[in-house]
């Protein structure tokens, strides 16, 4: 019998993986994307791209969808747009 251990990913690696999953959905259904710029403490900087970059609803996408999903897994996270 083989013992299986879950990989020990860092918090930043977990956040990066979550953002990649969110981005894949956004790319498929909305032709936009989201990328991780940095993680500094509880502050997570992301950049919206593709169709999301110039969209009038990008603020709602960022705070409602991206930040909301991230906070489900990292409740103390503060998600901001990178300049």
N, C-alpha and C. Protein backbone atom coordinates (compact mmCIF):
# COMPACT_ATOMS: atom_id res chain seq x y z
N UNK A 1 0.85 -1.17 0.00
CA UNK A 1 0.00 0.00 0.00
C UNK A 1 0.89 1.24 0.00
N UNK A 2 0.54 2.19 -0.85
CA UNK A 2 1.32 3.41 -0.98
C UNK A 2 0.64 4.54 -0.23
N UNK A 3 1.42 5.26 0.55
CA UNK A 3 0.89 6.44 1.24
C UNK A 3 0.94 7.62 0.29
N UNK A 4 -0.17 8.31 0.16
CA UNK A 4 -0.23 9.49 -0.69
C UNK A 4 -0.27 10.73 0.20
N UNK A 5 0.58 11.67 -0.13
CA UNK A 5 0.61 12.93 0.61
C UNK A 5 0.25 14.07 -0.34
N UNK A 6 -0.56 14.97 0.15
CA UNK A 6 -0.89 16.15 -0.63
C UNK A 6 0.34 17.04 -0.73
N UNK A 7 0.56 17.65 -1.89
CA UNK A 7 1.69 18.56 -2.02
C UNK A 7 1.56 19.73 -1.04
N UNK A 8 2.67 20.23 -0.60
CA UNK A 8 2.69 21.34 0.35
C UNK A 8 2.98 22.62 -0.43
N UNK A 9 1.92 23.24 -0.97
CA UNK A 9 2.08 24.46 -1.75
C UNK A 9 2.08 25.67 -0.83
N UNK A 10 2.88 26.66 -1.19
CA UNK A 10 2.90 27.91 -0.43
C UNK A 10 1.58 28.65 -0.66
N UNK A 11 1.31 29.61 0.18
CA UNK A 11 0.10 30.43 0.05
C UNK A 11 0.08 31.13 -1.31
N UNK A 12 1.21 31.68 -1.72
CA UNK A 12 1.27 32.36 -3.01
C UNK A 12 1.01 31.39 -4.17
N UNK A 13 1.54 30.18 -4.08
CA UNK A 13 1.28 29.18 -5.12
C UNK A 13 -0.20 28.81 -5.17
N UNK A 14 -0.83 28.73 -4.01
CA UNK A 14 -2.27 28.42 -3.97
C UNK A 14 -3.07 29.56 -4.60
N UNK A 15 -2.71 30.80 -4.28
CA UNK A 15 -3.39 31.96 -4.85
C UNK A 15 -3.18 32.01 -6.36
N UNK A 16 -1.96 31.76 -6.80
CA UNK A 16 -1.65 31.76 -8.24
C UNK A 16 -2.50 30.70 -8.97
N UNK A 17 -2.60 29.51 -8.40
CA UNK A 17 -3.39 28.45 -9.01
C UNK A 17 -4.86 28.82 -9.08
N UNK A 18 -5.39 29.44 -8.03
CA UNK A 18 -6.78 29.86 -8.01
C UNK A 18 -7.03 30.91 -9.08
N UNK A 19 -6.14 31.88 -9.19
CA UNK A 19 -6.29 32.93 -10.20
C UNK A 19 -6.21 32.35 -11.61
N UNK A 20 -5.35 31.37 -11.81
CA UNK A 20 -5.27 30.72 -13.12
C UNK A 20 -6.59 30.03 -13.47
N UNK A 21 -7.24 29.43 -12.49
CA UNK A 21 -8.54 28.80 -12.74
C UNK A 21 -9.61 29.84 -13.06
N UNK A 22 -9.61 30.94 -12.32
CA UNK A 22 -10.56 32.03 -12.60
C UNK A 22 -10.32 32.57 -14.00
N UNK A 23 -9.06 32.77 -14.35
CA UNK A 23 -8.70 33.31 -15.65
C UNK A 23 -9.15 32.38 -16.78
N UNK A 24 -8.99 31.08 -16.59
CA UNK A 24 -9.41 30.13 -17.62
C UNK A 24 -10.90 30.27 -17.91
N UNK A 25 -11.69 30.44 -16.88
CA UNK A 25 -13.13 30.62 -17.06
C UNK A 25 -13.42 31.93 -17.79
N UNK A 26 -12.78 33.01 -17.35
CA UNK A 26 -12.99 34.31 -17.97
C UNK A 26 -12.58 34.27 -19.44
N UNK A 27 -11.47 33.60 -19.75
CA UNK A 27 -11.00 33.49 -21.13
C UNK A 27 -12.02 32.75 -21.99
N UNK A 28 -12.52 31.64 -21.47
CA UNK A 28 -13.43 30.81 -22.25
C UNK A 28 -14.76 31.51 -22.53
N UNK A 29 -15.32 32.16 -21.54
CA UNK A 29 -16.67 32.69 -21.67
C UNK A 29 -16.75 34.19 -21.94
N UNK A 30 -15.67 34.92 -21.67
CA UNK A 30 -15.74 36.38 -21.81
C UNK A 30 -14.57 36.96 -22.62
N UNK A 31 -13.67 36.13 -23.05
CA UNK A 31 -12.52 36.54 -23.86
C UNK A 31 -11.62 37.55 -23.15
N UNK A 32 -11.61 37.48 -21.84
CA UNK A 32 -10.72 38.31 -21.04
C UNK A 32 -9.80 37.42 -20.25
N UNK A 33 -9.04 38.01 -19.35
CA UNK A 33 -8.16 37.23 -18.50
C UNK A 33 -7.83 38.02 -17.24
N UNK A 34 -7.30 37.31 -16.27
CA UNK A 34 -6.81 37.94 -15.05
C UNK A 34 -5.47 37.30 -14.73
N UNK A 35 -4.49 38.13 -14.35
CA UNK A 35 -3.18 37.60 -14.01
C UNK A 35 -2.73 38.13 -12.64
N UNK A 36 -2.02 37.29 -11.93
CA UNK A 36 -1.46 37.68 -10.64
C UNK A 36 -0.23 38.54 -10.88
N UNK A 37 -0.20 39.69 -10.25
CA UNK A 37 0.96 40.58 -10.34
C UNK A 37 1.84 40.40 -9.11
N UNK A 38 1.22 40.42 -7.91
CA UNK A 38 2.03 40.24 -6.69
C UNK A 38 1.14 39.88 -5.51
N UNK A 39 1.78 39.29 -4.52
CA UNK A 39 1.15 39.01 -3.23
C UNK A 39 2.07 39.60 -2.17
N UNK A 40 1.52 40.56 -1.41
CA UNK A 40 2.29 41.19 -0.34
C UNK A 40 1.43 41.16 0.91
N UNK A 41 1.69 40.23 1.79
CA UNK A 41 0.85 40.05 2.96
C UNK A 41 -0.53 39.61 2.52
N UNK A 42 -1.56 40.35 2.94
CA UNK A 42 -2.94 40.02 2.55
C UNK A 42 -3.37 40.74 1.27
N UNK A 43 -2.49 41.58 0.71
CA UNK A 43 -2.83 42.33 -0.50
C UNK A 43 -2.40 41.57 -1.74
N UNK A 44 -3.38 41.34 -2.61
CA UNK A 44 -3.14 40.61 -3.85
C UNK A 44 -3.40 41.57 -5.00
N UNK A 45 -2.37 41.81 -5.83
CA UNK A 45 -2.51 42.69 -6.99
C UNK A 45 -2.72 41.83 -8.22
N UNK A 46 -3.75 42.18 -8.98
CA UNK A 46 -4.04 41.46 -10.22
C UNK A 46 -4.23 42.46 -11.36
N UNK A 47 -4.12 41.95 -12.57
CA UNK A 47 -4.33 42.77 -13.75
C UNK A 47 -5.33 42.06 -14.65
N UNK A 48 -6.36 42.80 -15.06
CA UNK A 48 -7.32 42.26 -16.01
C UNK A 48 -6.82 42.56 -17.41
N UNK A 49 -7.00 41.61 -18.32
CA UNK A 49 -6.54 41.79 -19.69
C UNK A 49 -7.56 41.29 -20.68
N UNK A 50 -7.17 41.27 -21.94
CA UNK A 50 -8.07 40.84 -23.00
C UNK A 50 -9.28 41.75 -23.05
N UNK A 51 -10.45 41.16 -23.26
CA UNK A 51 -11.68 41.94 -23.36
C UNK A 51 -12.00 42.67 -22.06
N UNK A 52 -11.48 42.20 -20.94
CA UNK A 52 -11.75 42.84 -19.64
C UNK A 52 -10.99 44.15 -19.46
N UNK A 53 -9.90 44.33 -20.18
CA UNK A 53 -9.05 45.50 -19.98
C UNK A 53 -9.78 46.81 -20.23
N UNK A 54 -10.61 46.86 -21.25
CA UNK A 54 -11.30 48.10 -21.61
C UNK A 54 -12.80 48.06 -21.31
N UNK A 55 -13.25 47.01 -20.65
CA UNK A 55 -14.68 46.84 -20.40
C UNK A 55 -15.16 47.78 -19.30
N UNK A 56 -16.35 48.35 -19.49
CA UNK A 56 -16.93 49.24 -18.48
C UNK A 56 -17.28 48.49 -17.19
N UNK A 57 -17.41 47.19 -17.26
CA UNK A 57 -17.76 46.39 -16.08
C UNK A 57 -16.54 45.76 -15.40
N UNK A 58 -15.35 46.19 -15.78
CA UNK A 58 -14.13 45.56 -15.23
C UNK A 58 -14.02 45.74 -13.72
N UNK A 59 -14.48 46.85 -13.18
CA UNK A 59 -14.44 47.06 -11.72
C UNK A 59 -15.32 46.03 -11.02
N UNK A 60 -16.51 45.79 -11.58
CA UNK A 60 -17.41 44.80 -11.00
C UNK A 60 -16.83 43.39 -11.14
N UNK A 61 -16.20 43.13 -12.28
CA UNK A 61 -15.55 41.82 -12.48
C UNK A 61 -14.45 41.62 -11.44
N UNK A 62 -13.64 42.65 -11.26
CA UNK A 62 -12.53 42.55 -10.32
C UNK A 62 -13.03 42.35 -8.89
N UNK A 63 -13.92 43.22 -8.42
CA UNK A 63 -14.33 43.15 -7.03
C UNK A 63 -15.38 42.07 -6.77
N UNK A 64 -16.29 41.90 -7.68
CA UNK A 64 -17.35 40.91 -7.45
C UNK A 64 -16.93 39.49 -7.72
N UNK A 65 -16.35 39.29 -8.88
CA UNK A 65 -16.07 37.93 -9.31
C UNK A 65 -14.69 37.46 -8.85
N UNK A 66 -13.65 38.19 -9.22
CA UNK A 66 -12.29 37.77 -8.89
C UNK A 66 -12.05 37.84 -7.38
N UNK A 67 -12.26 39.02 -6.79
CA UNK A 67 -12.01 39.18 -5.36
C UNK A 67 -12.96 38.30 -4.54
N UNK A 68 -14.22 38.22 -4.96
CA UNK A 68 -15.18 37.41 -4.23
C UNK A 68 -14.78 35.95 -4.19
N UNK A 69 -14.30 35.43 -5.31
CA UNK A 69 -13.87 34.04 -5.36
C UNK A 69 -12.62 33.83 -4.50
N UNK A 70 -11.67 34.74 -4.61
CA UNK A 70 -10.44 34.61 -3.82
C UNK A 70 -10.76 34.64 -2.33
N UNK A 71 -11.65 35.53 -1.91
CA UNK A 71 -11.99 35.64 -0.48
C UNK A 71 -12.72 34.40 0.05
N UNK A 72 -13.32 33.61 -0.82
CA UNK A 72 -13.93 32.36 -0.36
C UNK A 72 -12.87 31.42 0.20
N UNK A 73 -11.66 31.49 -0.34
CA UNK A 73 -10.56 30.62 0.08
C UNK A 73 -9.56 31.32 0.99
N UNK A 74 -9.45 32.64 0.83
CA UNK A 74 -8.52 33.45 1.62
C UNK A 74 -9.29 34.65 2.15
N UNK A 75 -10.05 34.47 3.25
CA UNK A 75 -10.98 35.50 3.75
C UNK A 75 -10.37 36.86 4.06
N UNK A 76 -9.09 36.90 4.39
CA UNK A 76 -8.44 38.17 4.75
C UNK A 76 -7.84 38.89 3.55
N UNK A 77 -7.99 38.32 2.37
CA UNK A 77 -7.37 38.88 1.16
C UNK A 77 -8.00 40.22 0.79
N UNK A 78 -7.15 41.12 0.34
CA UNK A 78 -7.56 42.40 -0.21
C UNK A 78 -7.07 42.38 -1.66
N UNK A 79 -7.99 42.39 -2.60
CA UNK A 79 -7.64 42.28 -4.01
C UNK A 79 -7.74 43.66 -4.64
N UNK A 80 -6.65 44.08 -5.28
CA UNK A 80 -6.62 45.40 -5.92
C UNK A 80 -6.10 45.25 -7.35
N UNK A 81 -6.46 46.21 -8.17
CA UNK A 81 -5.98 46.24 -9.56
C UNK A 81 -4.58 46.82 -9.60
N UNK A 82 -3.72 46.20 -10.39
CA UNK A 82 -2.37 46.73 -10.60
C UNK A 82 -2.47 47.90 -11.55
N UNK A 83 -1.67 48.89 -11.33
CA UNK A 83 -1.65 50.09 -12.21
C UNK A 83 -0.95 49.77 -13.48
